[in-house]
Amino acid sequence: MAAGQIRVNIFGSEYTLVSDSDENYVKEIAQYIDEKMRAIDKHHSIKSTAKVAILAALNITEELFQERLYRQKLLDQLDEEAKRLNRELAEVLEE
């Protein structure tokens, strides 16, 4: 196998991926996808692997969007806290 190529197994199929990322990191991502697809397959009677993959992609994308919203809320809170601390500091320095 050439440098940068990593073999992974997702939902019973083997893939050779090319990545500059750490091999364990890539395998962890592939395992996550595999687990999502297997969970969907376990709870639904879907015969099409492509449909299982699409549902997994939708679920993972929803997780991503939720994380983005959470991250933005944290950044907004940090920004507000920094502004509050700056105001308090300015008040103390004016005294």
C-alpha atoms as a PDB file:
ATOM      1  CA  MET A   1       0.000   0.000   0.000  1.00  0.00           C
ATOM      2  CA  ALA A   2       1.360   3.426  -0.932  1.00  0.00           C
ATOM      3  CA  ALA A   3       2.165   6.093   1.625  1.00  0.00           C
ATOM      4  CA  GLY A   4      -0.904   7.905   2.851  1.00  0.00           C
ATOM      5  CA  GLN A   5      -3.227   5.036   1.945  1.00  0.00           C
ATOM      6  CA  ILE A   6      -5.345   3.654   4.749  1.00  0.00           C
ATOM      7  CA  ARG A   7      -7.655   0.647   4.574  1.00  0.00           C
ATOM      8  CA  VAL A   8     -10.933   0.887   6.428  1.00  0.00           C
ATOM      9  CA  ASN A   9     -14.065  -1.220   6.627  1.00  0.00           C
ATOM     10  CA  ILE A  10     -17.419   0.518   6.605  1.00  0.00           C
ATOM     11  CA  PHE A  11     -20.647  -1.442   6.743  1.00  0.00           C
ATOM     12  CA  GLY A  12     -19.034  -4.581   5.361  1.00  0.00           C
ATOM     13  CA  SER A  13     -17.148  -2.945   2.509  1.00  0.00           C
ATOM     14  CA  GLU A  14     -13.434  -2.269   2.450  1.00  0.00           C
ATOM     15  CA  TYR A  15     -12.158   1.086   1.227  1.00  0.00           C
ATOM     16  CA  THR A  16      -8.656   2.333   0.607  1.00  0.00           C
ATOM     17  CA  LEU A  17      -8.517   5.995   1.524  1.00  0.00           C
ATOM     18  CA  VAL A  18      -5.765   8.472   0.773  1.00  0.00           C
ATOM     19  CA  SER A  19      -5.081  10.908   3.581  1.00  0.00           C
ATOM     20  CA  ASP A  20      -2.331  12.992   5.118  1.00  0.00           C
ATOM     21  CA  SER A  21      -4.064  12.592   8.485  1.00  0.00           C
ATOM     22  CA  ASP A  22      -2.973  10.182  11.180  1.00  0.00           C
ATOM     23  CA  GLU A  23      -4.026   6.616  10.361  1.00  0.00           C
ATOM     24  CA  ASN A  24      -5.729   6.109  13.724  1.00  0.00           C
ATOM     25  CA  TYR A  25      -7.706   9.319  13.229  1.00  0.00           C
ATOM     26  CA  VAL A  26      -8.939   8.197   9.804  1.00  0.00           C
ATOM     27  CA  LYS A  27      -9.847   4.772  11.175  1.00  0.00           C
ATOM     28  CA  GLU A  28     -11.733   6.385  14.048  1.00  0.00           C
ATOM     29  CA  ILE A  29     -13.788   8.409  11.572  1.00  0.00           C
ATOM     30  CA  ALA A  30     -14.499   5.313   9.484  1.00  0.00           C
ATOM     31  CA  GLN A  31     -15.519   3.408  12.609  1.00  0.00           C
ATOM     32  CA  TYR A  32     -17.891   6.215  13.571  1.00  0.00           C
ATOM     33  CA  ILE A  33     -19.554   6.068  10.158  1.00  0.00           C
ATOM     34  CA  ASP A  34     -19.737   2.281  10.375  1.00  0.00           C
ATOM     35  CA  GLU A  35     -21.406   2.481  13.802  1.00  0.00           C
ATOM     36  CA  LYS A  36     -23.945   5.025  12.547  1.00  0.00           C
ATOM     37  CA  MET A  37     -24.817   2.873   9.548  1.00  0.00           C
ATOM     38  CA  ARG A  38     -25.115  -0.271  11.676  1.00  0.00           C
ATOM     39  CA  ALA A  39     -27.387   1.510  14.162  1.00  0.00           C
ATOM     40  CA  ILE A  40     -29.684   2.617  11.335  1.00  0.00           C
ATOM     41  CA  ASP A  41     -29.636  -0.874   9.835  1.00  0.00           C
ATOM     42  CA  LYS A  42     -30.491  -2.396  13.226  1.00  0.00           C
ATOM     43  CA  HIS A  43     -33.528  -0.177  13.800  1.00  0.00           C
ATOM     44  CA  HIS A  44     -34.930   0.012  10.267  1.00  0.00           C
ATOM     45  CA  SER A  45     -35.567  -2.570   7.586  1.00  0.00           C
ATOM     46  CA  ILE A  46     -33.815  -0.795   4.741  1.00  0.00           C
ATOM     47  CA  LYS A  47     -32.448  -3.066   2.033  1.00  0.00           C
ATOM     48  CA  SER A  48     -30.418  -0.453   0.196  1.00  0.00           C
ATOM     49  CA  THR A  49     -26.906   0.251   1.466  1.00  0.00           C
ATOM     50  CA  ALA A  50     -27.049   3.590  -0.314  1.00  0.00           C
ATOM     51  CA  LYS A  51     -30.179   4.590   1.623  1.00  0.00           C
ATOM     52  CA  VAL A  52     -28.558   3.528   4.907  1.00  0.00           C
ATOM     53  CA  ALA A  53     -25.519   5.629   3.974  1.00  0.00           C
ATOM     54  CA  ILE A  54     -27.688   8.646   3.154  1.00  0.00           C
ATOM     55  CA  LEU A  55     -29.555   8.365   6.466  1.00  0.00           C
ATOM     56  CA  ALA A  56     -26.226   8.069   8.297  1.00  0.00           C
ATOM     57  CA  ALA A  57     -24.941  11.138   6.432  1.00  0.00           C
ATOM     58  CA  LEU A  58     -28.071  13.066   7.405  1.00  0.00           C
ATOM     59  CA  ASN A  59     -27.688  12.066  11.059  1.00  0.00           C
ATOM     60  CA  ILE A  60     -24.004  12.968  11.122  1.00  0.00           C
ATOM     61  CA  THR A  61     -24.720  16.278   9.384  1.00  0.00           C
ATOM     62  CA  GLU A  62     -27.381  17.093  11.967  1.00  0.00           C
ATOM     63  CA  GLU A  63     -24.810  16.395  14.707  1.00  0.00           C
ATOM     64  CA  LEU A  64     -22.375  18.725  12.951  1.00  0.00           C
ATOM     65  CA  PHE A  65     -24.945  21.503  12.690  1.00  0.00           C
ATOM     66  CA  GLN A  66     -25.912  21.108  16.365  1.00  0.00           C
ATOM     67  CA  GLU A  67     -22.239  21.317  17.349  1.00  0.00           C
ATOM     68  CA  ARG A  68     -21.832  24.449  15.239  1.00  0.00           C
ATOM     69  CA  LEU A  69     -24.808  26.059  16.966  1.00  0.00           C
ATOM     70  CA  TYR A  70     -23.426  25.101  20.375  1.00  0.00           C
ATOM     71  CA  ARG A  71     -19.979  26.446  19.441  1.00  0.00           C
ATOM     72  CA  GLN A  72     -21.479  29.729  18.253  1.00  0.00           C
ATOM     73  CA  LYS A  73     -23.448  30.102  21.498  1.00  0.00           C
ATOM     74  CA  LEU A  74     -20.244  29.546  23.478  1.00  0.00           C
ATOM     75  CA  LEU A  75     -18.368  32.084  21.362  1.00  0.00           C
ATOM     76  CA  ASP A  76     -21.180  34.609  21.849  1.00  0.00           C
ATOM     77  CA  GLN A  77     -21.113  34.008  25.612  1.00  0.00           C
ATOM     78  CA  LEU A  78     -17.328  34.435  25.676  1.00  0.00           C
ATOM     79  CA  ASP A  79     -17.619  37.635  23.674  1.00  0.00           C
ATOM     80  CA  GLU A  80     -20.251  39.045  26.051  1.00  0.00           C
ATOM     81  CA  GLU A  81     -18.175  38.067  29.086  1.00  0.00           C
ATOM     82  CA  ALA A  82     -15.063  39.695  27.594  1.00  0.00           C
ATOM     83  CA  LYS A  83     -17.027  42.896  26.922  1.00  0.00           C
ATOM     84  CA  ARG A  84     -18.374  42.876  30.496  1.00  0.00           C
ATOM     85  CA  LEU A  85     -14.886  42.381  31.937  1.00  0.00           C
ATOM     86  CA  ASN A  86     -13.526  45.173  29.730  1.00  0.00           C
ATOM     87  CA  ARG A  87     -16.250  47.524  30.986  1.00  0.00           C
ATOM     88  CA  GLU A  88     -15.493  46.642  34.612  1.00  0.00           C
ATOM     89  CA  LEU A  89     -11.778  47.078  34.045  1.00  0.00           C
ATOM     90  CA  ALA A  90     -12.355  50.462  32.400  1.00  0.00           C
ATOM     91  CA  GLU A  91     -14.501  51.540  35.374  1.00  0.00           C
ATOM     92  CA  VAL A  92     -11.820  50.485  37.858  1.00  0.00           C
ATOM     93  CA  LEU A  93      -9.097  52.273  35.907  1.00  0.00           C
ATOM     94  CA  GLU A  94     -11.169  55.485  35.765  1.00  0.00           C
ATOM     95  CA  GLU A  95     -11.475  55.644  39.562  1.00  0.00           C
END
